[in-house]
Amino acid sequence: MSRNQQVVRYGWRWAIRKEGNTRVTHVFNSKEKAISKARTIVRNTASSVVICNSTQSLGEANKLENVFF
């Protein structure tokens, strides 16, 4: 199973990173654009999109299981 893609706050912007990594792979000005790109990344993998709130709390994160479009 591939690692999940996390949408996280990155300063005043939003970023995507693989779960478990500290480096981000993409940075966006809006949360919606970051979510859209994360969905594109997981489209052909057996992973999910994890959307963190603005305080980076994964305990309150929204998880989109097996996002296929």
N, C-alpha and C. Protein backbone atom coordinates (compact mmCIF):
# COMPACT_ATOMS: atom_id res chain seq x y z
N MET A 1 0.84 -1.18 0.00
CA MET A 1 0.00 0.00 0.00
C MET A 1 0.88 1.24 0.00
N SER A 2 0.55 2.18 -0.84
CA SER A 2 1.29 3.43 -0.90
C SER A 2 0.99 4.28 0.33
N ARG A 3 1.89 5.18 0.62
CA ARG A 3 1.66 6.08 1.75
C ARG A 3 0.63 7.13 1.37
N ASN A 4 -0.16 7.54 2.34
CA ASN A 4 -1.19 8.54 2.12
C ASN A 4 -0.58 9.90 1.82
N GLN A 5 -1.33 10.73 1.13
CA GLN A 5 -0.94 12.10 0.85
C GLN A 5 -1.62 12.99 1.88
N GLN A 6 -0.86 13.85 2.54
CA GLN A 6 -1.41 14.76 3.54
C GLN A 6 -1.48 16.16 2.97
N VAL A 7 -2.61 16.83 3.18
CA VAL A 7 -2.75 18.25 2.86
C VAL A 7 -2.57 18.98 4.18
N VAL A 8 -1.52 19.79 4.27
CA VAL A 8 -1.14 20.44 5.54
C VAL A 8 -0.96 21.94 5.35
N ARG A 9 -1.10 22.67 6.43
CA ARG A 9 -0.84 24.11 6.43
C ARG A 9 0.66 24.31 6.31
N TYR A 10 1.07 25.28 5.49
CA TYR A 10 2.49 25.54 5.25
C TYR A 10 2.68 27.05 5.26
N GLY A 11 2.90 27.59 6.45
CA GLY A 11 2.94 29.05 6.59
C GLY A 11 1.53 29.58 6.38
N TRP A 12 1.35 30.50 5.45
CA TRP A 12 0.01 30.98 5.13
C TRP A 12 -0.57 30.26 3.92
N ARG A 13 0.16 29.27 3.40
CA ARG A 13 -0.28 28.50 2.24
C ARG A 13 -0.59 27.07 2.64
N TRP A 14 -0.92 26.22 1.67
CA TRP A 14 -1.22 24.81 1.89
C TRP A 14 -0.27 23.96 1.07
N ALA A 15 0.09 22.80 1.57
CA ALA A 15 1.06 21.94 0.90
C ALA A 15 0.62 20.48 0.95
N ILE A 16 1.26 19.69 0.09
CA ILE A 16 1.04 18.24 0.06
C ILE A 16 2.35 17.58 0.43
N ARG A 17 2.26 16.56 1.27
CA ARG A 17 3.43 15.74 1.59
C ARG A 17 2.97 14.31 1.80
N LYS A 18 3.90 13.38 1.59
CA LYS A 18 3.60 11.98 1.87
C LYS A 18 3.57 11.79 3.37
N GLU A 19 2.68 10.93 3.82
CA GLU A 19 2.57 10.65 5.24
C GLU A 19 3.90 10.12 5.76
N GLY A 20 4.38 10.69 6.85
CA GLY A 20 5.64 10.28 7.44
C GLY A 20 6.82 11.15 7.03
N ASN A 21 6.67 11.96 5.98
CA ASN A 21 7.74 12.84 5.53
C ASN A 21 7.62 14.22 6.18
N THR A 22 8.74 14.92 6.27
CA THR A 22 8.71 16.30 6.75
C THR A 22 8.77 17.28 5.59
N ARG A 23 9.37 16.87 4.47
CA ARG A 23 9.44 17.74 3.29
C ARG A 23 8.13 17.69 2.52
N VAL A 24 7.73 18.83 1.98
CA VAL A 24 6.52 18.89 1.18
C VAL A 24 6.87 18.68 -0.28
N THR A 25 5.91 18.19 -1.06
CA THR A 25 6.15 17.94 -2.48
C THR A 25 5.57 19.03 -3.36
N HIS A 26 4.47 19.66 -2.93
CA HIS A 26 3.82 20.73 -3.69
C HIS A 26 3.29 21.77 -2.71
N VAL A 27 3.30 23.05 -3.12
CA VAL A 27 2.77 24.14 -2.30
C VAL A 27 1.75 24.92 -3.13
N PHE A 28 0.62 25.28 -2.49
CA PHE A 28 -0.48 25.98 -3.16
C PHE A 28 -0.95 27.16 -2.32
N ASN A 29 -1.57 28.12 -2.99
CA ASN A 29 -2.12 29.29 -2.29
C ASN A 29 -3.46 29.00 -1.65
N SER A 30 -4.16 27.97 -2.11
CA SER A 30 -5.47 27.66 -1.54
C SER A 30 -5.56 26.19 -1.15
N LYS A 31 -6.37 25.93 -0.15
CA LYS A 31 -6.58 24.58 0.34
C LYS A 31 -7.28 23.73 -0.73
N GLU A 32 -8.20 24.33 -1.46
CA GLU A 32 -8.94 23.61 -2.49
C GLU A 32 -8.02 23.09 -3.59
N LYS A 33 -7.06 23.92 -4.02
CA LYS A 33 -6.12 23.48 -5.05
C LYS A 33 -5.22 22.36 -4.54
N ALA A 34 -4.83 22.43 -3.29
CA ALA A 34 -3.99 21.38 -2.70
C ALA A 34 -4.75 20.06 -2.63
N ILE A 35 -6.02 20.12 -2.23
CA ILE A 35 -6.84 18.91 -2.15
C ILE A 35 -7.04 18.31 -3.53
N SER A 36 -7.28 19.16 -4.52
CA SER A 36 -7.47 18.69 -5.89
C SER A 36 -6.23 17.96 -6.40
N LYS A 37 -5.06 18.52 -6.16
CA LYS A 37 -3.81 17.89 -6.61
C LYS A 37 -3.56 16.58 -5.85
N ALA A 38 -3.85 16.57 -4.55
CA ALA A 38 -3.66 15.34 -3.77
C ALA A 38 -4.57 14.24 -4.29
N ARG A 39 -5.79 14.57 -4.65
CA ARG A 39 -6.71 13.58 -5.22
C ARG A 39 -6.17 13.04 -6.53
N THR A 40 -5.58 13.91 -7.35
CA THR A 40 -4.98 13.47 -8.60
C THR A 40 -3.83 12.51 -8.35
N ILE A 41 -3.03 12.79 -7.34
CA ILE A 41 -1.88 11.93 -7.02
C ILE A 41 -2.33 10.54 -6.59
N VAL A 42 -3.38 10.46 -5.77
CA VAL A 42 -3.80 9.15 -5.25
C VAL A 42 -4.76 8.41 -6.17
N ARG A 43 -5.13 9.02 -7.26
CA ARG A 43 -6.11 8.43 -8.17
C ARG A 43 -5.75 7.00 -8.57
N ASN A 44 -4.50 6.75 -8.89
CA ASN A 44 -4.09 5.43 -9.38
C ASN A 44 -3.31 4.62 -8.35
N THR A 45 -3.43 4.98 -7.10
CA THR A 45 -2.72 4.25 -6.05
C THR A 45 -3.71 3.76 -5.00
N ALA A 46 -3.26 2.88 -4.17
CA ALA A 46 -4.10 2.37 -3.08
C ALA A 46 -3.84 3.19 -1.82
N SER A 47 -3.97 4.50 -1.94
CA SER A 47 -3.74 5.37 -0.79
C SER A 47 -4.90 6.33 -0.63
N SER A 48 -4.81 7.19 0.37
CA SER A 48 -5.88 8.11 0.70
C SER A 48 -5.34 9.52 0.84
N VAL A 49 -6.26 10.49 0.85
CA VAL A 49 -5.92 11.88 1.11
C VAL A 49 -6.28 12.18 2.56
N VAL A 50 -5.34 12.72 3.31
CA VAL A 50 -5.58 13.12 4.70
C VAL A 50 -5.49 14.64 4.75
N ILE A 51 -6.59 15.29 5.17
CA ILE A 51 -6.63 16.75 5.23
C ILE A 51 -6.51 17.17 6.69
N CYS A 52 -5.41 17.85 7.01
CA CYS A 52 -5.18 18.32 8.38
C CYS A 52 -5.81 19.69 8.57
N ASN A 53 -6.26 19.96 9.79
CA ASN A 53 -6.77 21.29 10.06
C ASN A 53 -5.60 22.26 10.17
N SER A 54 -5.87 23.52 10.37
CA SER A 54 -4.81 24.53 10.33
C SER A 54 -3.82 24.42 11.48
N THR A 55 -4.11 23.64 12.52
CA THR A 55 -3.17 23.47 13.63
C THR A 55 -2.38 22.17 13.50
N GLN A 56 -2.46 21.50 12.34
CA GLN A 56 -1.74 20.26 12.06
C GLN A 56 -2.17 19.09 12.92
N SER A 57 -3.34 19.16 13.51
CA SER A 57 -3.80 18.08 14.38
C SER A 57 -4.33 16.92 13.54
N LEU A 58 -3.61 15.82 13.52
CA LEU A 58 -4.07 14.65 12.76
C LEU A 58 -5.22 13.95 13.47
N GLY A 59 -5.34 14.14 14.77
CA GLY A 59 -6.44 13.52 15.50
C GLY A 59 -7.79 14.03 15.05
N GLU A 60 -7.82 15.24 14.53
CA GLU A 60 -9.07 15.83 14.06
C GLU A 60 -9.08 15.94 12.54
N ALA A 61 -8.19 15.21 11.89
CA ALA A 61 -8.08 15.31 10.43
C ALA A 61 -9.26 14.63 9.75
N ASN A 62 -9.57 15.12 8.57
CA ASN A 62 -10.58 14.47 7.72
C ASN A 62 -9.83 13.54 6.79
N LYS A 63 -10.25 12.31 6.70
CA LYS A 63 -9.58 11.34 5.84
C LYS A 63 -10.55 10.91 4.74
N LEU A 64 -10.11 11.07 3.52
CA LEU A 64 -10.90 10.65 2.37
C LEU A 64 -10.37 9.29 1.94
N GLU A 65 -11.09 8.25 2.27
CA GLU A 65 -10.63 6.89 2.01
C GLU A 65 -10.74 6.54 0.53
N ASN A 66 -9.68 5.96 0.00
CA ASN A 66 -9.66 5.43 -1.37
C ASN A 66 -10.37 6.35 -2.36
N VAL A 67 -9.80 7.49 -2.58
CA VAL A 67 -10.40 8.48 -3.47
C VAL A 67 -10.15 8.06 -4.90
N PHE A 68 -11.18 7.68 -5.60
CA PHE A 68 -11.09 7.31 -7.01
C PHE A 68 -12.05 8.18 -7.80
N PHE A 69 -11.59 8.72 -8.91
CA PHE A 69 -12.43 9.59 -9.74
C PHE A 69 -12.38 9.15 -11.17
